[in-house]
N, C-alpha and C. Protein backbone atom coordinates (compact mmCIF):
# COMPACT_ATOMS: atom_id res chain seq x y z
N UNK A 1 0.82 -1.21 0.02
CA UNK A 1 0.03 0.01 0.02
C UNK A 1 0.86 1.31 0.01
N UNK A 2 1.99 1.22 0.69
CA UNK A 2 2.83 2.36 0.79
C UNK A 2 3.32 2.92 -0.63
N UNK A 3 3.81 2.05 -1.47
CA UNK A 3 4.21 2.56 -2.80
C UNK A 3 3.07 3.20 -3.56
N UNK A 4 1.93 2.69 -3.50
CA UNK A 4 0.76 3.17 -4.18
C UNK A 4 0.42 4.59 -3.68
N UNK A 5 0.36 4.76 -2.38
CA UNK A 5 0.05 6.08 -1.78
C UNK A 5 1.17 7.02 -2.06
N UNK A 6 2.41 6.61 -1.97
CA UNK A 6 3.56 7.48 -2.17
C UNK A 6 3.59 7.89 -3.59
N UNK A 7 3.24 7.04 -4.58
CA UNK A 7 3.26 7.43 -5.98
C UNK A 7 2.21 8.56 -6.21
N UNK A 8 1.05 8.46 -5.63
CA UNK A 8 0.03 9.57 -5.73
C UNK A 8 0.54 10.79 -5.10
N UNK A 9 1.17 10.77 -3.95
CA UNK A 9 1.74 11.97 -3.33
C UNK A 9 2.79 12.64 -4.25
N UNK A 10 3.66 11.77 -4.74
CA UNK A 10 4.77 12.30 -5.64
C UNK A 10 4.14 12.92 -6.84
N UNK A 11 3.05 12.28 -7.38
CA UNK A 11 2.48 12.91 -8.66
C UNK A 11 1.97 14.34 -8.35
N UNK A 12 1.20 14.51 -7.30
CA UNK A 12 0.61 15.85 -7.11
C UNK A 12 1.73 16.85 -6.70
N UNK A 13 2.72 16.39 -6.03
CA UNK A 13 3.77 17.28 -5.60
C UNK A 13 4.55 17.73 -6.89
N UNK A 14 4.85 16.78 -7.84
CA UNK A 14 5.47 17.07 -9.03
C UNK A 14 4.66 18.11 -9.85
N UNK A 15 3.35 17.95 -9.89
CA UNK A 15 2.55 18.95 -10.54
C UNK A 15 2.65 20.33 -9.90
N UNK A 16 2.68 20.32 -8.59
CA UNK A 16 2.81 21.60 -7.87
C UNK A 16 4.21 22.20 -8.12
N UNK A 17 5.27 21.41 -8.14
CA UNK A 17 6.59 21.94 -8.40
C UNK A 17 6.67 22.61 -9.81
N UNK A 18 5.88 22.07 -10.76
CA UNK A 18 5.92 22.61 -12.10
C UNK A 18 5.16 23.94 -12.22
N UNK A 19 4.47 24.35 -11.15
CA UNK A 19 3.69 25.62 -11.20
C UNK A 19 4.66 26.81 -11.39
N UNK A 20 4.24 27.64 -12.26
CA UNK A 20 4.99 28.90 -12.55
C UNK A 20 5.07 29.76 -11.30
N UNK A 21 6.31 30.28 -11.01
CA UNK A 21 6.39 31.26 -9.90
C UNK A 21 5.47 32.42 -10.14
N UNK A 22 4.94 32.91 -9.06
CA UNK A 22 4.04 34.05 -9.13
C UNK A 22 2.56 33.62 -9.16
N UNK A 23 2.32 32.31 -9.42
CA UNK A 23 0.93 31.85 -9.36
C UNK A 23 0.45 31.89 -7.97
N UNK A 24 -0.75 32.36 -7.75
CA UNK A 24 -1.32 32.50 -6.41
C UNK A 24 -1.34 31.08 -5.85
N UNK A 25 -0.84 30.93 -4.60
CA UNK A 25 -0.72 29.68 -3.91
C UNK A 25 -2.02 28.90 -3.81
N UNK A 26 -3.14 29.49 -3.39
CA UNK A 26 -4.41 28.71 -3.31
C UNK A 26 -4.77 28.11 -4.67
N UNK A 27 -4.55 28.89 -5.83
CA UNK A 27 -4.85 28.41 -7.12
C UNK A 27 -3.92 27.30 -7.52
N UNK A 28 -2.65 27.43 -7.20
CA UNK A 28 -1.61 26.41 -7.55
C UNK A 28 -1.96 25.04 -6.82
N UNK A 29 -2.39 25.15 -5.57
CA UNK A 29 -2.68 23.96 -4.84
C UNK A 29 -3.92 23.29 -5.37
N UNK A 30 -4.99 24.10 -5.71
CA UNK A 30 -6.21 23.48 -6.22
C UNK A 30 -5.95 22.85 -7.63
N UNK A 31 -5.17 23.52 -8.45
CA UNK A 31 -4.87 22.99 -9.78
C UNK A 31 -4.11 21.70 -9.72
N UNK A 32 -3.14 21.68 -8.89
CA UNK A 32 -2.32 20.45 -8.78
C UNK A 32 -3.17 19.30 -8.20
N UNK A 33 -4.07 19.56 -7.26
CA UNK A 33 -4.91 18.57 -6.68
C UNK A 33 -5.90 18.06 -7.79
N UNK A 34 -6.47 18.94 -8.45
CA UNK A 34 -7.45 18.57 -9.52
C UNK A 34 -6.72 17.67 -10.57
N UNK A 35 -5.57 18.14 -11.03
CA UNK A 35 -4.85 17.37 -12.01
C UNK A 35 -4.43 15.99 -11.50
N UNK A 36 -4.04 15.89 -10.26
CA UNK A 36 -3.53 14.69 -9.72
C UNK A 36 -4.68 13.70 -9.41
N UNK A 37 -5.90 14.23 -9.06
CA UNK A 37 -7.00 13.37 -8.65
C UNK A 37 -8.07 13.15 -9.69
N UNK A 38 -8.03 13.89 -10.78
CA UNK A 38 -9.00 13.69 -11.87
C UNK A 38 -8.34 12.72 -12.89
N UNK A 39 -8.82 11.49 -12.93
CA UNK A 39 -8.14 10.52 -13.82
C UNK A 39 -8.34 10.86 -15.32
N UNK A 40 -7.24 10.85 -16.09
CA UNK A 40 -7.33 11.18 -17.51
C UNK A 40 -7.91 10.06 -18.41
N UNK A 41 -7.92 8.86 -17.88
CA UNK A 41 -8.32 7.76 -18.72
C UNK A 41 -8.89 6.64 -17.84
N UNK A 42 -9.39 5.54 -18.44
CA UNK A 42 -9.96 4.46 -17.70
C UNK A 42 -8.98 3.79 -16.77
N UNK A 43 -7.74 3.66 -17.25
CA UNK A 43 -6.74 2.96 -16.39
C UNK A 43 -6.45 3.79 -15.13
N UNK A 44 -6.38 5.09 -15.27
CA UNK A 44 -6.18 5.97 -14.05
C UNK A 44 -7.41 5.94 -13.18
N UNK A 45 -8.60 5.91 -13.78
CA UNK A 45 -9.81 5.82 -12.99
C UNK A 45 -9.85 4.56 -12.12
N UNK A 46 -9.48 3.43 -12.72
CA UNK A 46 -9.40 2.18 -12.02
C UNK A 46 -8.38 2.24 -10.87
N UNK A 47 -7.20 2.86 -11.18
CA UNK A 47 -6.16 3.00 -10.15
C UNK A 47 -6.67 3.85 -9.00
N UNK A 48 -7.40 4.96 -9.24
CA UNK A 48 -7.93 5.72 -8.16
C UNK A 48 -8.89 4.97 -7.33
N UNK A 49 -9.80 4.21 -8.03
CA UNK A 49 -10.86 3.46 -7.36
C UNK A 49 -10.15 2.31 -6.48
N UNK A 50 -9.10 1.79 -6.96
CA UNK A 50 -8.38 0.77 -6.17
C UNK A 50 -7.80 1.42 -4.90
N UNK A 51 -7.21 2.58 -5.09
CA UNK A 51 -6.64 3.30 -3.96
C UNK A 51 -7.73 3.60 -2.92
N UNK A 52 -8.90 4.07 -3.38
CA UNK A 52 -10.02 4.32 -2.44
C UNK A 52 -10.41 3.05 -1.74
N UNK A 53 -10.39 1.87 -2.47
CA UNK A 53 -10.72 0.63 -1.85
C UNK A 53 -9.76 0.26 -0.75
N UNK A 54 -8.48 0.49 -1.09
CA UNK A 54 -7.47 0.19 -0.06
C UNK A 54 -7.65 1.07 1.19
N UNK A 55 -8.02 2.32 0.92
CA UNK A 55 -8.24 3.23 2.08
C UNK A 55 -9.42 2.81 2.95
N UNK A 56 -10.45 2.20 2.32
CA UNK A 56 -11.51 1.65 3.14
C UNK A 56 -11.00 0.58 4.05
N UNK A 57 -10.04 -0.18 3.57
CA UNK A 57 -9.44 -1.21 4.41
C UNK A 57 -8.53 -0.63 5.48
N UNK A 58 -8.17 0.64 5.35
CA UNK A 58 -7.16 1.26 6.26
C UNK A 58 -7.75 1.48 7.68
N UNK A 59 -9.00 0.95 7.88
CA UNK A 59 -9.47 0.96 9.32
C UNK A 59 -8.67 0.06 10.20
N UNK A 60 -7.97 -0.87 9.56
CA UNK A 60 -7.13 -1.73 10.38
C UNK A 60 -5.88 -0.92 10.76
N UNK A 61 -5.46 -1.16 12.03
CA UNK A 61 -4.29 -0.24 12.56
C UNK A 61 -3.10 -0.31 11.72
N UNK A 62 -2.69 -1.47 11.20
CA UNK A 62 -1.47 -1.57 10.47
C UNK A 62 -1.53 -0.80 9.13
N UNK A 63 -2.66 -0.89 8.42
CA UNK A 63 -2.81 -0.13 7.23
C UNK A 63 -2.88 1.39 7.50
N UNK A 64 -3.61 1.76 8.55
CA UNK A 64 -3.75 3.12 8.90
C UNK A 64 -2.39 3.73 9.18
N UNK A 65 -1.50 2.95 9.89
CA UNK A 65 -0.19 3.46 10.22
C UNK A 65 0.64 3.77 8.96
N UNK A 66 0.48 2.89 7.92
CA UNK A 66 1.18 3.14 6.72
C UNK A 66 0.67 4.37 6.07
N UNK A 67 -0.67 4.56 6.08
CA UNK A 67 -1.24 5.73 5.42
C UNK A 67 -0.79 6.98 6.06
N UNK A 68 -0.73 7.02 7.35
CA UNK A 68 -0.31 8.25 8.10
C UNK A 68 1.22 8.53 7.92
N UNK A 69 2.02 7.45 7.80
CA UNK A 69 3.44 7.63 7.56
C UNK A 69 3.70 8.19 6.20
N UNK A 70 2.99 7.68 5.20
CA UNK A 70 3.14 8.25 3.82
C UNK A 70 2.66 9.70 3.77
N UNK A 71 1.53 9.95 4.45
CA UNK A 71 1.01 11.32 4.53
C UNK A 71 2.05 12.25 5.20
N UNK A 72 2.65 11.88 6.25
CA UNK A 72 3.69 12.71 6.95
C UNK A 72 4.82 12.98 6.04
N UNK A 73 5.39 11.92 5.44
CA UNK A 73 6.48 12.01 4.46
C UNK A 73 6.15 12.95 3.34
N UNK A 74 4.94 12.89 2.79
CA UNK A 74 4.57 13.80 1.72
C UNK A 74 4.50 15.24 2.23
N UNK A 75 4.03 15.42 3.41
CA UNK A 75 3.98 16.78 3.96
C UNK A 75 5.38 17.35 4.07
N UNK A 76 6.30 16.59 4.58
CA UNK A 76 7.66 17.04 4.74
C UNK A 76 8.30 17.42 3.40
N UNK A 77 7.99 16.65 2.35
CA UNK A 77 8.60 16.90 1.04
C UNK A 77 7.89 18.08 0.36
N UNK A 78 6.64 18.46 0.84
CA UNK A 78 5.92 19.54 0.30
C UNK A 78 6.40 20.87 0.83
N UNK A 79 7.02 20.92 2.00
CA UNK A 79 7.42 22.16 2.65
C UNK A 79 8.27 23.03 1.75
N UNK A 80 9.38 22.50 1.15
CA UNK A 80 10.12 23.40 0.27
C UNK A 80 9.40 23.88 -0.99
N UNK A 81 8.52 23.02 -1.48
CA UNK A 81 7.68 23.47 -2.66
C UNK A 81 6.78 24.64 -2.31
N UNK A 82 6.12 24.54 -1.15
CA UNK A 82 5.28 25.66 -0.67
C UNK A 82 6.09 26.88 -0.41
N UNK A 83 7.27 26.71 0.19
CA UNK A 83 8.12 27.85 0.47
C UNK A 83 8.49 28.56 -0.78
N UNK A 84 8.87 27.78 -1.84
CA UNK A 84 9.24 28.44 -3.15
C UNK A 84 8.12 29.10 -3.73
N UNK A 85 6.89 28.49 -3.75
CA UNK A 85 5.72 29.09 -4.38
C UNK A 85 5.18 30.27 -3.64
N UNK A 86 5.50 30.36 -2.32
CA UNK A 86 5.02 31.50 -1.57
C UNK A 86 5.89 32.73 -1.87
N UNK A 87 6.99 32.59 -2.45
CA UNK A 87 7.82 33.69 -2.84
C UNK A 87 8.27 34.52 -1.59
N UNK A 88 8.36 33.89 -0.45
CA UNK A 88 8.83 34.63 0.77
C UNK A 88 7.66 35.28 1.49
N UNK A 89 6.40 35.20 0.98
CA UNK A 89 5.30 35.81 1.58
C UNK A 89 4.83 35.10 2.85
N UNK A 90 5.20 33.86 3.04
CA UNK A 90 4.84 33.04 4.20
C UNK A 90 6.07 32.81 5.03
N UNK A 91 5.92 32.92 6.38
CA UNK A 91 7.06 32.55 7.26
C UNK A 91 7.11 31.00 7.36
N UNK A 92 8.10 30.52 8.08
CA UNK A 92 8.28 29.09 8.17
C UNK A 92 7.07 28.37 8.78
N UNK A 93 6.51 28.95 9.78
CA UNK A 93 5.30 28.38 10.41
C UNK A 93 4.14 28.28 9.39
N UNK A 94 3.88 29.38 8.70
CA UNK A 94 2.83 29.42 7.66
C UNK A 94 3.07 28.44 6.57
N UNK A 95 4.28 28.24 6.17
CA UNK A 95 4.64 27.25 5.14
C UNK A 95 4.31 25.80 5.67
N UNK A 96 4.70 25.57 6.87
CA UNK A 96 4.50 24.22 7.41
C UNK A 96 2.91 23.94 7.56
N UNK A 97 2.23 24.93 8.06
CA UNK A 97 0.79 24.79 8.24
C UNK A 97 0.10 24.60 6.88
N UNK A 98 0.54 25.34 5.86
CA UNK A 98 -0.01 25.14 4.50
C UNK A 98 0.27 23.79 3.95
N UNK A 99 1.48 23.32 4.14
CA UNK A 99 1.84 22.01 3.62
C UNK A 99 1.04 20.93 4.36
N UNK A 100 0.84 21.07 5.65
CA UNK A 100 0.06 20.09 6.44
C UNK A 100 -1.40 20.18 5.98
N UNK A 101 -1.94 21.34 5.78
CA UNK A 101 -3.37 21.48 5.36
C UNK A 101 -3.60 20.94 3.95
N UNK A 102 -2.65 21.13 3.07
CA UNK A 102 -2.77 20.68 1.67
C UNK A 102 -2.74 19.17 1.69
N UNK A 103 -1.74 18.59 2.34
CA UNK A 103 -1.60 17.18 2.47
C UNK A 103 -2.84 16.52 3.08
N UNK A 104 -3.27 17.09 4.21
CA UNK A 104 -4.48 16.52 4.85
C UNK A 104 -5.72 16.73 4.03
N UNK A 105 -5.77 17.74 3.17
CA UNK A 105 -6.98 17.88 2.32
C UNK A 105 -7.09 16.72 1.43
N UNK A 106 -5.99 16.22 0.90
CA UNK A 106 -6.02 15.07 0.01
C UNK A 106 -6.34 13.82 0.82
N UNK A 107 -5.68 13.65 1.99
CA UNK A 107 -5.99 12.50 2.81
C UNK A 107 -7.46 12.41 3.24
N UNK A 108 -7.98 13.56 3.65
CA UNK A 108 -9.41 13.61 4.08
C UNK A 108 -10.31 13.35 2.83
N UNK A 109 -9.99 13.90 1.70
CA UNK A 109 -10.80 13.71 0.57
C UNK A 109 -10.81 12.24 0.07
N UNK A 110 -9.61 11.66 0.04
CA UNK A 110 -9.56 10.23 -0.35
C UNK A 110 -10.29 9.34 0.67
N UNK A 111 -10.13 9.66 1.90
CA UNK A 111 -10.76 8.83 2.96
C UNK A 111 -12.30 8.99 2.94
N UNK A 112 -12.74 10.24 2.77
CA UNK A 112 -14.19 10.54 2.71
C UNK A 112 -14.76 9.91 1.42
N UNK A 113 -14.02 10.12 0.26
CA UNK A 113 -14.50 9.53 -0.98
C UNK A 113 -14.51 8.00 -0.91
N UNK A 114 -13.57 7.39 -0.25
CA UNK A 114 -13.47 6.01 -0.10
C UNK A 114 -14.62 5.52 0.78
N UNK A 115 -14.90 6.24 1.85
CA UNK A 115 -15.97 5.82 2.70
C UNK A 115 -17.32 5.92 2.06
N UNK A 116 -17.48 6.93 1.19
CA UNK A 116 -18.79 7.10 0.53
C UNK A 116 -18.89 6.31 -0.78
N UNK A 117 -17.76 5.73 -1.15
CA UNK A 117 -17.72 4.99 -2.45
C UNK A 117 -18.16 5.90 -3.59
N UNK A 118 -17.66 7.17 -3.54
CA UNK A 118 -18.00 8.10 -4.63
C UNK A 118 -17.23 7.68 -5.91
N UNK A 119 -17.70 8.23 -6.97
CA UNK A 119 -16.98 7.94 -8.31
C UNK A 119 -15.69 8.73 -8.34
N UNK A 120 -15.03 8.48 -9.44
CA UNK A 120 -13.72 9.07 -9.66
C UNK A 120 -13.75 10.53 -10.10
N UNK A 121 -14.98 10.94 -10.58
CA UNK A 121 -15.15 12.33 -11.10
C UNK A 121 -16.48 12.86 -10.60
N UNK A 122 -16.59 14.25 -10.61
CA UNK A 122 -17.82 14.85 -10.25
C UNK A 122 -18.04 15.13 -8.85
N UNK A 123 -19.24 15.60 -8.39
CA UNK A 123 -19.45 15.88 -7.04
C UNK A 123 -19.23 14.70 -6.04
N UNK A 124 -18.48 14.94 -5.03
CA UNK A 124 -18.19 13.90 -4.04
C UNK A 124 -16.97 13.05 -4.42
N UNK A 125 -16.37 13.34 -5.58
CA UNK A 125 -15.15 12.63 -5.97
C UNK A 125 -13.99 13.09 -5.16
N UNK A 126 -12.87 12.39 -5.08
CA UNK A 126 -11.73 12.85 -4.33
C UNK A 126 -11.24 14.19 -4.76
N UNK A 127 -11.23 14.50 -6.08
CA UNK A 127 -10.77 15.83 -6.53
C UNK A 127 -11.71 16.91 -6.01
N UNK A 128 -13.01 16.71 -6.13
CA UNK A 128 -14.04 17.66 -5.66
C UNK A 128 -13.87 17.91 -4.13
N UNK A 129 -13.73 16.83 -3.41
CA UNK A 129 -13.59 16.91 -1.92
C UNK A 129 -12.29 17.68 -1.50
N UNK A 130 -11.17 17.34 -2.19
CA UNK A 130 -9.96 17.88 -1.80
C UNK A 130 -9.96 19.46 -2.11
N UNK A 131 -10.48 19.86 -3.26
CA UNK A 131 -10.61 21.27 -3.56
C UNK A 131 -11.49 21.94 -2.54
N UNK A 132 -12.56 21.33 -2.13
CA UNK A 132 -13.47 21.91 -1.13
C UNK A 132 -12.69 22.10 0.19
N UNK A 133 -11.89 21.09 0.60
CA UNK A 133 -11.07 21.21 1.80
C UNK A 133 -10.08 22.37 1.71
N UNK A 134 -9.45 22.47 0.58
CA UNK A 134 -8.46 23.58 0.42
C UNK A 134 -9.10 24.91 0.42
N UNK A 135 -10.31 25.04 -0.20
CA UNK A 135 -10.94 26.33 -0.11
C UNK A 135 -11.45 26.61 1.27
N UNK A 136 -11.90 25.64 1.99
CA UNK A 136 -12.28 25.85 3.36
C UNK A 136 -11.15 26.29 4.22
N UNK A 137 -9.96 25.69 4.03
CA UNK A 137 -8.76 26.12 4.71
C UNK A 137 -8.40 27.56 4.38
N UNK A 138 -8.54 27.87 3.11
CA UNK A 138 -8.22 29.23 2.66
C UNK A 138 -9.12 30.29 3.39
N UNK A 139 -10.41 29.97 3.42
CA UNK A 139 -11.30 30.94 4.12
C UNK A 139 -11.04 31.00 5.59
N UNK A 140 -10.70 29.87 6.24
CA UNK A 140 -10.39 29.82 7.70
C UNK A 140 -9.09 30.55 7.96
N UNK A 141 -8.10 30.32 7.13
CA UNK A 141 -6.80 30.93 7.34
C UNK A 141 -6.81 32.48 7.15
N UNK A 142 -7.74 32.91 6.37
CA UNK A 142 -7.82 34.40 6.12
C UNK A 142 -8.66 35.05 7.21
N UNK A 143 -9.63 34.31 7.68
CA UNK A 143 -10.60 34.88 8.65
C UNK A 143 -9.92 35.28 10.00
């Protein structure tokens, strides 16, 4: 399970790293999440659905521990990407909180989507839920 989850985390981080400097951070995060979680073809759709199925099984302690470890590693790798994209507008604490929120938005979206057995696209899909989480974080962080 670890390689599968790590591959997904690497994919969205790579998309985020490719973002042009000067792009607004909230938009960059949303775009990378949408690209990473919206499957471009049937093979990717099936892979996403398999991942959601594995996450349903993550209720077992051993699988949950793997999921949280991969999530934490992804968050750590995301910190320098967020720092670069913020262009110095965020201090170290804000960078870390943003990396944690972005990583957890995906974790929560995949877990919620997995629990609801939502489809790979459209309302309730992992991409839709992750973007909703990011937007909610953005409103809360600004308030």
